[in-house]
Amino acid sequence: MGITTAWAISSHDDPFIKGLGPRMLPLVEAERDRPGARRSWQRWHRRPLPDHRTWWNPYGRGSAEEAESLDSFCELTACGDHVQELYDGSSPDDDFWLVRDVWEETADTDVMFMSVQSKDYAVASLFHAIGPRRAALLPGWCGNFLLTSSQVRETLPRVERALTFTPEEWAAAQDQDWLGYAPDEESVLEGPLRVWRRAAEAGLGLCGVAVKIY
């Protein structure tokens, strides 16, 4: 059975961000602290994955070590079970719904980025395309973060270093972003930096969440 996932970065004013904090921030920390998460992060930094077109081929997945590195990266960048609680609450008595209570409450629809994928994960493709050194500059954990307006301004220089490219770097990153896009659709290499800059200009905070929709 296939899955559909979404990674969204939405903009909100500071009161909204601060109100969401007690619900969301512990879940992001739980993702960071889950068994093996930091080990997978360090493994990817030591051994970045090769060209994505070599991962699946008629001759298998390479050596046992290469296969283990791939499995570790996929687990690291998939939608985590803890943050998944944001999608539809943590229990039958919790009526929180991410779509209604966060995404539909964005302060400005022009300051939002969303990547919906079938049988795939947007953060995984972004991280592979930019590599571990650039990915380490992004705040939060594997696409999940909650930032006030001042934190957006503070982190913007790091995000610009992560997502600004020379022509040669841009071509290489695009080559390793395996997601398909409609002609008018922003890629994972474009949308996040646009939203960050717009939010910094508008004095807004940002909420980044990666979840399975179904």
N, C-alpha and C. Protein backbone atom coordinates (compact mmCIF):
# COMPACT_ATOMS: atom_id res chain seq x y z
N MET A 1 0.84 -1.18 0.00
CA MET A 1 0.00 0.00 0.00
C MET A 1 0.88 1.24 0.00
N GLY A 2 0.54 2.22 -0.84
CA GLY A 2 1.33 3.43 -0.92
C GLY A 2 0.96 4.42 0.18
N ILE A 3 1.76 5.47 0.29
CA ILE A 3 1.52 6.52 1.27
C ILE A 3 1.55 7.85 0.54
N THR A 4 0.96 8.85 1.15
CA THR A 4 1.07 10.23 0.69
C THR A 4 1.60 11.06 1.84
N THR A 5 2.61 11.86 1.58
CA THR A 5 3.23 12.68 2.62
C THR A 5 3.17 14.14 2.23
N ALA A 6 3.35 14.99 3.23
CA ALA A 6 3.41 16.42 2.98
C ALA A 6 4.47 17.04 3.87
N TRP A 7 5.23 17.95 3.29
CA TRP A 7 6.14 18.80 4.06
C TRP A 7 5.72 20.23 3.79
N ALA A 8 5.33 20.93 4.83
CA ALA A 8 4.85 22.30 4.68
C ALA A 8 5.61 23.24 5.60
N ILE A 9 5.85 24.45 5.10
CA ILE A 9 6.41 25.54 5.89
C ILE A 9 5.40 26.68 5.81
N SER A 10 4.73 26.96 6.93
CA SER A 10 3.68 27.98 6.96
C SER A 10 4.10 29.13 7.85
N SER A 11 3.55 30.31 7.56
CA SER A 11 3.91 31.53 8.30
C SER A 11 2.80 31.90 9.27
N HIS A 12 3.19 32.42 10.43
CA HIS A 12 2.23 32.77 11.47
C HIS A 12 2.79 33.92 12.30
N ASP A 13 1.90 34.66 12.96
CA ASP A 13 2.38 35.70 13.85
C ASP A 13 2.91 35.09 15.14
N ASP A 14 3.63 35.88 15.91
CA ASP A 14 4.29 35.35 17.10
C ASP A 14 3.33 34.78 18.15
N PRO A 15 2.18 35.40 18.42
CA PRO A 15 1.27 34.78 19.39
C PRO A 15 0.85 33.36 18.99
N PHE A 16 0.62 33.15 17.69
CA PHE A 16 0.25 31.81 17.23
C PHE A 16 1.42 30.85 17.43
N ILE A 17 2.62 31.27 17.04
CA ILE A 17 3.80 30.42 17.19
C ILE A 17 4.01 30.03 18.65
N LYS A 18 3.89 31.01 19.54
CA LYS A 18 4.10 30.73 20.97
C LYS A 18 3.01 29.84 21.52
N GLY A 19 1.78 29.98 21.02
CA GLY A 19 0.71 29.10 21.47
C GLY A 19 0.88 27.67 21.01
N LEU A 20 1.47 27.48 19.83
CA LEU A 20 1.70 26.14 19.28
C LEU A 20 2.90 25.46 19.93
N GLY A 21 3.81 26.26 20.50
CA GLY A 21 5.05 25.72 21.03
C GLY A 21 4.89 24.57 22.01
N PRO A 22 4.05 24.68 23.05
CA PRO A 22 3.93 23.57 24.01
C PRO A 22 3.47 22.27 23.39
N ARG A 23 2.72 22.34 22.31
CA ARG A 23 2.28 21.12 21.64
C ARG A 23 3.36 20.57 20.72
N MET A 24 4.02 21.44 19.95
CA MET A 24 4.89 20.96 18.88
C MET A 24 6.34 20.73 19.31
N LEU A 25 6.91 21.64 20.07
CA LEU A 25 8.34 21.56 20.35
C LEU A 25 8.74 20.26 21.06
N PRO A 26 7.97 19.76 22.03
CA PRO A 26 8.36 18.47 22.63
C PRO A 26 8.36 17.33 21.62
N LEU A 27 7.48 17.39 20.62
CA LEU A 27 7.45 16.33 19.61
C LEU A 27 8.68 16.37 18.72
N VAL A 28 9.13 17.58 18.36
CA VAL A 28 10.36 17.71 17.56
C VAL A 28 11.55 17.20 18.36
N GLU A 29 11.60 17.55 19.65
CA GLU A 29 12.70 17.06 20.49
C GLU A 29 12.66 15.54 20.62
N ALA A 30 11.45 14.99 20.71
CA ALA A 30 11.33 13.53 20.80
C ALA A 30 11.84 12.85 19.54
N GLU A 31 11.61 13.49 18.37
CA GLU A 31 12.16 12.95 17.12
C GLU A 31 13.68 12.97 17.15
N ARG A 32 14.24 14.08 17.60
CA ARG A 32 15.70 14.21 17.67
C ARG A 32 16.31 13.20 18.64
N ASP A 33 15.56 12.89 19.71
CA ASP A 33 16.10 12.04 20.77
C ASP A 33 15.71 10.58 20.65
N ARG A 34 14.96 10.22 19.61
CA ARG A 34 14.55 8.82 19.50
C ARG A 34 15.78 7.93 19.29
N PRO A 35 15.70 6.68 19.73
CA PRO A 35 16.85 5.79 19.61
C PRO A 35 17.37 5.70 18.18
N GLY A 36 18.63 5.92 18.02
CA GLY A 36 19.27 5.78 16.72
C GLY A 36 19.24 7.00 15.84
N ALA A 37 18.47 8.05 16.20
CA ALA A 37 18.33 9.20 15.32
C ALA A 37 19.67 9.93 15.13
N ARG A 38 20.31 10.25 16.23
CA ARG A 38 21.59 10.96 16.12
C ARG A 38 22.66 10.07 15.48
N ARG A 39 22.58 8.78 15.75
CA ARG A 39 23.52 7.84 15.14
C ARG A 39 23.33 7.82 13.62
N SER A 40 22.08 7.85 13.17
CA SER A 40 21.81 7.89 11.73
C SER A 40 22.30 9.20 11.12
N TRP A 41 22.10 10.30 11.85
CA TRP A 41 22.57 11.61 11.38
C TRP A 41 24.09 11.60 11.21
N GLN A 42 24.80 11.08 12.22
CA GLN A 42 26.26 11.05 12.16
C GLN A 42 26.75 10.10 11.07
N ARG A 43 26.04 9.01 10.89
CA ARG A 43 26.42 8.06 9.84
C ARG A 43 26.32 8.71 8.47
N TRP A 44 25.25 9.47 8.25
CA TRP A 44 25.07 10.14 6.96
C TRP A 44 26.16 11.19 6.75
N HIS A 45 26.57 11.90 7.79
CA HIS A 45 27.65 12.88 7.67
C HIS A 45 28.97 12.21 7.33
N ARG A 46 29.20 11.04 7.91
CA ARG A 46 30.45 10.33 7.62
C ARG A 46 30.43 9.71 6.23
N ARG A 47 29.24 9.28 5.80
CA ARG A 47 29.14 8.54 4.54
C ARG A 47 27.91 9.01 3.76
N PRO A 48 27.99 10.19 3.11
CA PRO A 48 26.86 10.65 2.28
C PRO A 48 26.56 9.63 1.19
N LEU A 49 25.30 9.54 0.83
CA LEU A 49 24.89 8.57 -0.18
C LEU A 49 25.38 8.99 -1.57
N PRO A 50 25.64 8.03 -2.43
CA PRO A 50 26.06 8.35 -3.81
C PRO A 50 24.87 8.80 -4.65
N ASP A 51 25.12 9.00 -5.92
CA ASP A 51 24.08 9.35 -6.89
C ASP A 51 22.85 8.48 -6.66
N HIS A 52 21.67 9.12 -6.52
CA HIS A 52 20.47 8.36 -6.18
C HIS A 52 20.11 7.31 -7.24
N ARG A 53 20.57 7.48 -8.45
CA ARG A 53 20.24 6.51 -9.49
C ARG A 53 20.97 5.18 -9.32
N THR A 54 21.91 5.13 -8.39
CA THR A 54 22.61 3.87 -8.11
C THR A 54 21.96 3.07 -7.00
N TRP A 55 20.96 3.64 -6.32
CA TRP A 55 20.40 2.95 -5.16
C TRP A 55 19.60 1.71 -5.53
N TRP A 56 18.77 1.83 -6.56
CA TRP A 56 17.92 0.71 -6.96
C TRP A 56 18.27 0.34 -8.39
N ASN A 57 18.72 -0.86 -8.58
CA ASN A 57 19.12 -1.29 -9.92
C ASN A 57 18.93 -2.80 -10.03
N PRO A 58 18.97 -3.36 -11.23
CA PRO A 58 18.73 -4.80 -11.41
C PRO A 58 19.74 -5.68 -10.70
N TYR A 59 20.85 -5.11 -10.28
CA TYR A 59 21.92 -5.92 -9.70
C TYR A 59 21.95 -5.82 -8.18
N GLY A 60 20.89 -5.24 -7.58
CA GLY A 60 20.85 -5.17 -6.13
C GLY A 60 21.24 -3.81 -5.60
N ARG A 61 21.45 -3.74 -4.30
CA ARG A 61 21.66 -2.48 -3.61
C ARG A 61 23.11 -2.30 -3.17
N GLY A 62 24.02 -2.98 -3.78
CA GLY A 62 25.41 -2.82 -3.43
C GLY A 62 25.79 -3.67 -2.22
N SER A 63 26.84 -3.26 -1.55
CA SER A 63 27.35 -4.02 -0.41
C SER A 63 26.38 -3.90 0.77
N ALA A 64 26.61 -4.75 1.77
CA ALA A 64 25.78 -4.70 2.98
C ALA A 64 25.92 -3.36 3.67
N GLU A 65 27.13 -2.80 3.67
CA GLU A 65 27.36 -1.50 4.31
C GLU A 65 26.61 -0.39 3.57
N GLU A 66 26.62 -0.44 2.24
CA GLU A 66 25.90 0.56 1.45
C GLU A 66 24.39 0.46 1.68
N ALA A 67 23.89 -0.78 1.74
CA ALA A 67 22.46 -0.97 1.98
C ALA A 67 22.08 -0.47 3.37
N GLU A 68 22.95 -0.69 4.35
CA GLU A 68 22.67 -0.23 5.71
C GLU A 68 22.68 1.30 5.77
N SER A 69 23.59 1.94 5.05
CA SER A 69 23.63 3.39 5.00
C SER A 69 22.36 3.96 4.39
N LEU A 70 21.87 3.33 3.33
CA LEU A 70 20.64 3.77 2.69
C LEU A 70 19.46 3.60 3.63
N ASP A 71 19.34 2.47 4.27
CA ASP A 71 18.24 2.24 5.20
C ASP A 71 18.28 3.27 6.34
N SER A 72 19.47 3.55 6.83
CA SER A 72 19.63 4.52 7.92
C SER A 72 19.18 5.91 7.48
N PHE A 73 19.57 6.31 6.27
CA PHE A 73 19.18 7.63 5.76
C PHE A 73 17.67 7.72 5.55
N CYS A 74 17.09 6.68 5.00
CA CYS A 74 15.65 6.68 4.75
C CYS A 74 14.87 6.77 6.05
N GLU A 75 15.33 6.07 7.07
CA GLU A 75 14.66 6.15 8.37
C GLU A 75 14.82 7.54 8.97
N LEU A 76 15.99 8.13 8.80
CA LEU A 76 16.25 9.46 9.35
C LEU A 76 15.33 10.51 8.75
N THR A 77 15.10 10.45 7.45
CA THR A 77 14.41 11.52 6.74
C THR A 77 12.94 11.23 6.46
N ALA A 78 12.43 10.10 6.91
CA ALA A 78 11.01 9.81 6.77
C ALA A 78 10.22 10.60 7.81
N CYS A 79 8.92 10.66 7.64
CA CYS A 79 8.06 11.34 8.61
C CYS A 79 8.08 10.54 9.92
N GLY A 80 8.40 11.21 11.02
CA GLY A 80 8.55 10.52 12.29
C GLY A 80 7.23 10.31 13.01
N ASP A 81 7.19 9.28 13.85
CA ASP A 81 5.96 8.95 14.58
C ASP A 81 5.58 10.01 15.59
N HIS A 82 6.55 10.68 16.19
CA HIS A 82 6.23 11.67 17.22
C HIS A 82 5.56 12.89 16.61
N VAL A 83 6.19 13.48 15.60
CA VAL A 83 5.61 14.66 14.95
C VAL A 83 4.31 14.31 14.27
N GLN A 84 4.14 13.04 13.90
CA GLN A 84 2.89 12.62 13.27
C GLN A 84 1.68 12.92 14.15
N GLU A 85 1.88 13.00 15.47
CA GLU A 85 0.79 13.34 16.38
C GLU A 85 0.19 14.71 16.04
N LEU A 86 0.98 15.57 15.40
CA LEU A 86 0.45 16.88 15.04
C LEU A 86 -0.64 16.79 13.97
N TYR A 87 -0.62 15.72 13.19
CA TYR A 87 -1.57 15.67 12.08
C TYR A 87 -3.01 15.58 12.56
N ASP A 88 -3.27 14.68 13.50
CA ASP A 88 -4.66 14.50 13.93
C ASP A 88 -4.79 14.28 15.43
N GLY A 89 -3.94 14.91 16.21
CA GLY A 89 -4.04 14.78 17.65
C GLY A 89 -3.39 13.53 18.18
N SER A 90 -3.23 13.48 19.49
CA SER A 90 -2.50 12.37 20.11
C SER A 90 -3.43 11.30 20.69
N SER A 91 -4.75 11.56 20.68
CA SER A 91 -5.68 10.59 21.24
C SER A 91 -7.08 10.87 20.68
N PRO A 92 -8.02 9.94 20.87
CA PRO A 92 -9.39 10.17 20.39
C PRO A 92 -10.04 11.40 21.01
N ASP A 93 -9.54 11.83 22.17
CA ASP A 93 -10.11 13.00 22.85
C ASP A 93 -9.47 14.31 22.41
N ASP A 94 -8.49 14.25 21.51
CA ASP A 94 -7.78 15.44 21.05
C ASP A 94 -8.27 15.78 19.65
N ASP A 95 -8.96 16.91 19.50
CA ASP A 95 -9.53 17.25 18.20
C ASP A 95 -8.62 18.11 17.35
N PHE A 96 -7.34 18.25 17.74
CA PHE A 96 -6.39 19.03 16.95
C PHE A 96 -6.21 18.38 15.58
N TRP A 97 -6.15 19.22 14.55
CA TRP A 97 -5.91 18.74 13.19
C TRP A 97 -4.99 19.72 12.51
N LEU A 98 -3.84 19.23 12.05
CA LEU A 98 -2.81 20.09 11.49
C LEU A 98 -3.34 20.94 10.34
N VAL A 99 -4.13 20.34 9.46
CA VAL A 99 -4.64 21.08 8.30
C VAL A 99 -5.46 22.28 8.74
N ARG A 100 -6.40 22.05 9.64
CA ARG A 100 -7.29 23.12 10.08
C ARG A 100 -6.63 24.08 11.06
N ASP A 101 -5.87 23.52 12.01
CA ASP A 101 -5.39 24.32 13.13
C ASP A 101 -4.02 24.96 12.91
N VAL A 102 -3.34 24.60 11.83
CA VAL A 102 -2.06 25.24 11.52
C VAL A 102 -2.04 25.72 10.07
N TRP A 103 -2.16 24.81 9.12
CA TRP A 103 -1.99 25.20 7.72
C TRP A 103 -3.05 26.20 7.26
N GLU A 104 -4.29 26.01 7.70
CA GLU A 104 -5.33 26.96 7.30
C GLU A 104 -5.29 28.25 8.10
N GLU A 105 -4.41 28.30 9.10
CA GLU A 105 -4.25 29.50 9.92
C GLU A 105 -3.00 30.29 9.53
N THR A 106 -2.42 29.98 8.39
CA THR A 106 -1.22 30.70 7.96
C THR A 106 -1.54 32.18 7.82
N ALA A 107 -0.59 33.02 8.22
CA ALA A 107 -0.82 34.46 8.23
C ALA A 107 -0.91 35.03 6.82
N ASP A 108 -0.21 34.41 5.88
CA ASP A 108 -0.16 34.92 4.51
C ASP A 108 0.08 33.73 3.60
N THR A 109 -0.88 33.43 2.73
CA THR A 109 -0.74 32.26 1.86
C THR A 109 0.44 32.37 0.91
N ASP A 110 0.92 33.61 0.65
CA ASP A 110 2.11 33.78 -0.18
C ASP A 110 3.38 33.39 0.56
N VAL A 111 3.29 33.31 1.89
CA VAL A 111 4.44 32.93 2.70
C VAL A 111 4.20 31.51 3.20
N MET A 112 4.08 30.60 2.26
CA MET A 112 3.88 29.19 2.58
C MET A 112 4.48 28.34 1.47
N PHE A 113 5.06 27.23 1.85
CA PHE A 113 5.58 26.26 0.89
C PHE A 113 5.04 24.90 1.30
N MET A 114 4.58 24.12 0.32
CA MET A 114 4.12 22.76 0.60
C MET A 114 4.54 21.84 -0.53
N SER A 115 5.05 20.68 -0.15
CA SER A 115 5.40 19.64 -1.11
C SER A 115 4.67 18.37 -0.71
N VAL A 116 3.73 17.95 -1.56
CA VAL A 116 2.96 16.73 -1.32
C VAL A 116 3.49 15.65 -2.25
N GLN A 117 3.81 14.51 -1.68
CA GLN A 117 4.45 13.44 -2.45
C GLN A 117 3.73 12.11 -2.26
N SER A 118 3.66 11.34 -3.33
CA SER A 118 3.11 10.00 -3.28
C SER A 118 4.26 8.99 -3.19
N LYS A 119 4.22 8.17 -2.16
CA LYS A 119 5.23 7.12 -1.95
C LYS A 119 6.63 7.70 -1.84
N ASP A 120 6.75 8.89 -1.29
CA ASP A 120 8.07 9.52 -1.20
C ASP A 120 8.07 10.55 -0.08
N TYR A 121 9.26 11.10 0.20
CA TYR A 121 9.44 12.07 1.28
C TYR A 121 10.23 13.26 0.75
N ALA A 122 9.63 14.45 0.85
CA ALA A 122 10.27 15.65 0.31
C ALA A 122 11.58 15.96 1.02
N VAL A 123 11.61 15.82 2.34
CA VAL A 123 12.82 16.15 3.10
C VAL A 123 13.97 15.23 2.70
N ALA A 124 13.68 13.97 2.43
CA ALA A 124 14.73 13.04 2.02
C ALA A 124 15.40 13.50 0.73
N SER A 125 14.60 13.92 -0.25
CA SER A 125 15.18 14.37 -1.52
C SER A 125 15.96 15.66 -1.33
N LEU A 126 15.42 16.58 -0.54
CA LEU A 126 16.15 17.84 -0.28
C LEU A 126 17.49 17.55 0.38
N PHE A 127 17.48 16.76 1.44
CA PHE A 127 18.73 16.50 2.17
C PHE A 127 19.75 15.80 1.29
N HIS A 128 19.30 14.84 0.48
CA HIS A 128 20.26 14.18 -0.41
C HIS A 128 20.82 15.16 -1.43
N ALA A 129 19.96 16.04 -1.95
CA ALA A 129 20.39 16.98 -2.98
C ALA A 129 21.40 17.99 -2.47
N ILE A 130 21.24 18.45 -1.22
CA ILE A 130 22.14 19.50 -0.70
C ILE A 130 23.30 18.91 0.10
N GLY A 131 23.17 17.68 0.58
CA GLY A 131 24.25 17.06 1.33
C GLY A 131 24.23 17.42 2.81
N PRO A 132 24.96 16.67 3.63
CA PRO A 132 24.88 16.83 5.08
C PRO A 132 25.40 18.16 5.62
N ARG A 133 26.43 18.75 5.01
CA ARG A 133 26.96 20.00 5.54
C ARG A 133 25.94 21.12 5.41
N ARG A 134 25.27 21.21 4.27
CA ARG A 134 24.24 22.24 4.11
C ARG A 134 23.02 21.91 4.97
N ALA A 135 22.63 20.65 5.03
CA ALA A 135 21.47 20.27 5.82
C ALA A 135 21.66 20.63 7.29
N ALA A 136 22.90 20.55 7.78
CA ALA A 136 23.17 20.86 9.18
C ALA A 136 22.93 22.34 9.50
N LEU A 137 22.88 23.19 8.49
CA LEU A 137 22.63 24.62 8.71
C LEU A 137 21.15 24.92 8.93
N LEU A 138 20.28 24.01 8.56
CA LEU A 138 18.85 24.24 8.71
C LEU A 138 18.41 24.00 10.15
N PRO A 139 17.57 24.86 10.70
CA PRO A 139 17.16 24.70 12.10
C PRO A 139 16.18 23.55 12.28
N GLY A 140 15.95 23.20 13.53
CA GLY A 140 15.01 22.13 13.83
C GLY A 140 15.60 20.77 13.59
N TRP A 141 14.75 19.82 13.23
CA TRP A 141 15.19 18.44 13.02
C TRP A 141 14.48 17.85 11.81
N CYS A 142 15.23 17.61 10.75
CA CYS A 142 14.73 16.91 9.56
C CYS A 142 13.42 17.49 9.04
N GLY A 143 13.41 18.82 8.87
CA GLY A 143 12.26 19.50 8.29
C GLY A 143 11.22 19.98 9.27
N ASN A 144 11.35 19.63 10.53
CA ASN A 144 10.39 20.02 11.56
C ASN A 144 10.99 21.12 12.44
N PHE A 145 10.28 22.24 12.54
CA PHE A 145 10.79 23.36 13.35
C PHE A 145 9.65 24.31 13.65
N LEU A 146 9.84 25.14 14.67
CA LEU A 146 8.88 26.18 15.03
C LEU A 146 9.70 27.39 15.48
N LEU A 147 9.56 28.50 14.73
CA LEU A 147 10.41 29.66 14.95
C LEU A 147 9.58 30.93 15.08
N THR A 148 9.91 31.75 16.06
CA THR A 148 9.30 33.07 16.17
C THR A 148 9.88 33.98 15.09
N SER A 149 9.31 35.17 14.94
CA SER A 149 9.80 36.09 13.91
C SER A 149 11.26 36.45 14.13
N SER A 150 11.67 36.63 15.38
CA SER A 150 13.07 36.97 15.63
C SER A 150 13.98 35.79 15.30
N GLN A 151 13.53 34.58 15.56
CA GLN A 151 14.33 33.40 15.21
C GLN A 151 14.41 33.20 13.70
N VAL A 152 13.36 33.57 12.98
CA VAL A 152 13.41 33.52 11.52
C VAL A 152 14.50 34.45 11.01
N ARG A 153 14.54 35.67 11.53
CA ARG A 153 15.58 36.62 11.10
C ARG A 153 16.97 36.13 11.49
N GLU A 154 17.09 35.55 12.67
CA GLU A 154 18.39 35.07 13.14
C GLU A 154 18.90 33.90 12.30
N THR A 155 18.01 33.02 11.88
CA THR A 155 18.42 31.82 11.14
C THR A 155 18.52 32.05 9.64
N LEU A 156 17.98 33.16 9.13
CA LEU A 156 17.99 33.40 7.69
C LEU A 156 19.39 33.30 7.07
N PRO A 157 20.44 33.90 7.65
CA PRO A 157 21.77 33.77 7.02
C PRO A 157 22.22 32.32 6.87
N ARG A 158 21.90 31.47 7.85
CA ARG A 158 22.27 30.05 7.75
C ARG A 158 21.47 29.36 6.66
N VAL A 159 20.19 29.67 6.57
CA VAL A 159 19.35 29.05 5.54
C VAL A 159 19.80 29.51 4.15
N GLU A 160 20.22 30.77 4.05
CA GLU A 160 20.74 31.25 2.77
C GLU A 160 22.03 30.52 2.39
N ARG A 161 22.89 30.26 3.36
CA ARG A 161 24.11 29.50 3.05
C ARG A 161 23.77 28.08 2.62
N ALA A 162 22.73 27.51 3.22
CA ALA A 162 22.35 26.14 2.89
C ALA A 162 21.71 26.04 1.51
N LEU A 163 20.96 27.08 1.11
CA LEU A 163 20.12 26.96 -0.09
C LEU A 163 20.43 28.00 -1.16
N THR A 164 21.63 28.56 -1.12
CA THR A 164 22.10 29.44 -2.19
C THR A 164 23.24 28.72 -2.90
N PHE A 165 23.22 28.72 -4.24
CA PHE A 165 24.14 27.90 -5.02
C PHE A 165 24.79 28.69 -6.15
N THR A 166 26.00 28.32 -6.47
CA THR A 166 26.58 28.76 -7.73
C THR A 166 25.86 28.03 -8.86
N PRO A 167 26.00 28.46 -10.11
CA PRO A 167 25.35 27.71 -11.20
C PRO A 167 25.73 26.24 -11.24
N GLU A 168 27.00 25.95 -10.96
CA GLU A 168 27.44 24.55 -10.97
C GLU A 168 26.82 23.78 -9.81
N GLU A 169 26.78 24.40 -8.62
CA GLU A 169 26.18 23.75 -7.46
C GLU A 169 24.68 23.53 -7.67
N TRP A 170 24.03 24.51 -8.29
CA TRP A 170 22.59 24.40 -8.55
C TRP A 170 22.31 23.23 -9.48
N ALA A 171 23.10 23.09 -10.53
CA ALA A 171 22.91 21.98 -11.47
C ALA A 171 23.12 20.64 -10.76
N ALA A 172 24.12 20.57 -9.91
CA ALA A 172 24.41 19.32 -9.20
C ALA A 172 23.28 18.98 -8.22
N ALA A 173 22.78 20.00 -7.51
CA ALA A 173 21.69 19.76 -6.55
C ALA A 173 20.42 19.33 -7.27
N GLN A 174 20.09 20.01 -8.37
CA GLN A 174 18.91 19.62 -9.14
C GLN A 174 19.02 18.18 -9.64
N ASP A 175 20.22 17.79 -10.01
CA ASP A 175 20.44 16.45 -10.53
C ASP A 175 20.18 15.38 -9.47
N GLN A 176 20.36 15.75 -8.19
CA GLN A 176 20.19 14.78 -7.11
C GLN A 176 18.85 14.92 -6.39
N ASP A 177 18.03 15.89 -6.79
CA ASP A 177 16.66 15.99 -6.30
C ASP A 177 15.81 15.09 -7.18
N TRP A 178 15.37 13.96 -6.65
CA TRP A 178 14.70 12.96 -7.48
C TRP A 178 13.19 13.19 -7.61
N LEU A 179 12.65 14.20 -6.96
CA LEU A 179 11.21 14.42 -7.01
C LEU A 179 10.79 14.99 -8.37
N GLY A 180 9.59 14.68 -8.79
CA GLY A 180 9.05 15.24 -10.02
C GLY A 180 8.18 16.44 -9.70
N TYR A 181 8.17 17.44 -10.60
CA TYR A 181 7.43 18.68 -10.34
C TYR A 181 6.59 19.07 -11.56
N ALA A 182 5.44 19.66 -11.27
CA ALA A 182 4.64 20.26 -12.32
C ALA A 182 5.35 21.53 -12.80
N PRO A 183 5.03 22.02 -14.01
CA PRO A 183 5.74 23.18 -14.56
C PRO A 183 5.73 24.41 -13.66
N ASP A 184 4.64 24.64 -12.91
CA ASP A 184 4.53 25.83 -12.07
C ASP A 184 4.76 25.54 -10.59
N GLU A 185 5.31 24.37 -10.29
CA GLU A 185 5.50 23.94 -8.90
C GLU A 185 6.92 24.26 -8.41
N GLU A 186 7.02 24.81 -7.19
CA GLU A 186 8.32 25.07 -6.59
C GLU A 186 8.97 23.75 -6.15
N SER A 187 10.25 23.66 -6.31
CA SER A 187 10.97 22.49 -5.84
C SER A 187 11.36 22.68 -4.38
N VAL A 188 11.82 21.59 -3.76
CA VAL A 188 12.30 21.67 -2.38
C VAL A 188 13.56 22.50 -2.28
N LEU A 189 14.23 22.72 -3.40
CA LEU A 189 15.43 23.56 -3.41
C LEU A 189 15.09 25.05 -3.48
N GLU A 190 13.85 25.39 -3.89
CA GLU A 190 13.46 26.78 -4.10
C GLU A 190 12.54 27.32 -3.02
N GLY A 191 11.49 26.56 -2.70
CA GLY A 191 10.43 27.07 -1.85
C GLY A 191 10.85 27.48 -0.44
N PRO A 192 11.62 26.65 0.28
CA PRO A 192 11.95 27.01 1.65
C PRO A 192 12.67 28.35 1.78
N LEU A 193 13.64 28.64 0.94
CA LEU A 193 14.37 29.90 1.05
C LEU A 193 13.47 31.08 0.71
N ARG A 194 12.62 30.93 -0.30
CA ARG A 194 11.68 32.01 -0.63
C ARG A 194 10.81 32.35 0.57
N VAL A 195 10.27 31.31 1.22
CA VAL A 195 9.39 31.52 2.37
C VAL A 195 10.15 32.16 3.52
N TRP A 196 11.38 31.72 3.75
CA TRP A 196 12.18 32.27 4.85
C TRP A 196 12.42 33.77 4.64
N ARG A 197 12.78 34.13 3.43
CA ARG A 197 13.03 35.55 3.15
C ARG A 197 11.77 36.37 3.29
N ARG A 198 10.65 35.86 2.78
CA ARG A 198 9.40 36.60 2.87
C ARG A 198 8.95 36.76 4.32
N ALA A 199 9.09 35.70 5.10
CA ALA A 199 8.70 35.76 6.51
C ALA A 199 9.57 36.76 7.27
N ALA A 200 10.87 36.77 6.98
CA ALA A 200 11.76 37.73 7.64
C ALA A 200 11.36 39.16 7.29
N GLU A 201 11.01 39.40 6.05
CA GLU A 201 10.58 40.74 5.62
C GLU A 201 9.27 41.15 6.28
N ALA A 202 8.36 40.19 6.44
CA ALA A 202 7.03 40.49 6.97
C ALA A 202 6.95 40.43 8.49
N GLY A 203 8.03 40.03 9.16
CA GLY A 203 8.00 39.93 10.61
C GLY A 203 7.15 38.77 11.11
N LEU A 204 7.20 37.64 10.41
CA LEU A 204 6.39 36.47 10.76
C LEU A 204 7.28 35.33 11.21
N GLY A 205 6.70 34.44 12.00
CA GLY A 205 7.35 33.20 12.39
C GLY A 205 7.04 32.12 11.38
N LEU A 206 7.70 30.97 11.54
CA LEU A 206 7.54 29.84 10.61
C LEU A 206 7.34 28.53 11.37
N CYS A 207 6.50 27.69 10.77
CA CYS A 207 6.27 26.34 11.29
C CYS A 207 6.55 25.35 10.17
N GLY A 208 7.50 24.47 10.36
CA GLY A 208 7.80 23.43 9.39
C GLY A 208 7.39 22.08 9.94
N VAL A 209 6.59 21.32 9.18
CA VAL A 209 6.11 20.02 9.64
C VAL A 209 6.12 19.04 8.47
N ALA A 210 6.66 17.84 8.71
CA ALA A 210 6.65 16.76 7.71
C ALA A 210 5.83 15.61 8.28
N VAL A 211 4.73 15.25 7.60
CA VAL A 211 3.83 14.22 8.10
C VAL A 211 3.34 13.33 6.96
N LYS A 212 2.83 12.17 7.36
CA LYS A 212 2.07 11.32 6.43
C LYS A 212 0.62 11.80 6.46
N ILE A 213 0.06 12.00 5.28
CA ILE A 213 -1.36 12.37 5.21
C ILE A 213 -2.22 11.11 5.27
N TYR A 214 -1.81 10.07 4.56
CA TYR A 214 -2.46 8.77 4.65
C TYR A 214 -1.56 7.74 4.03
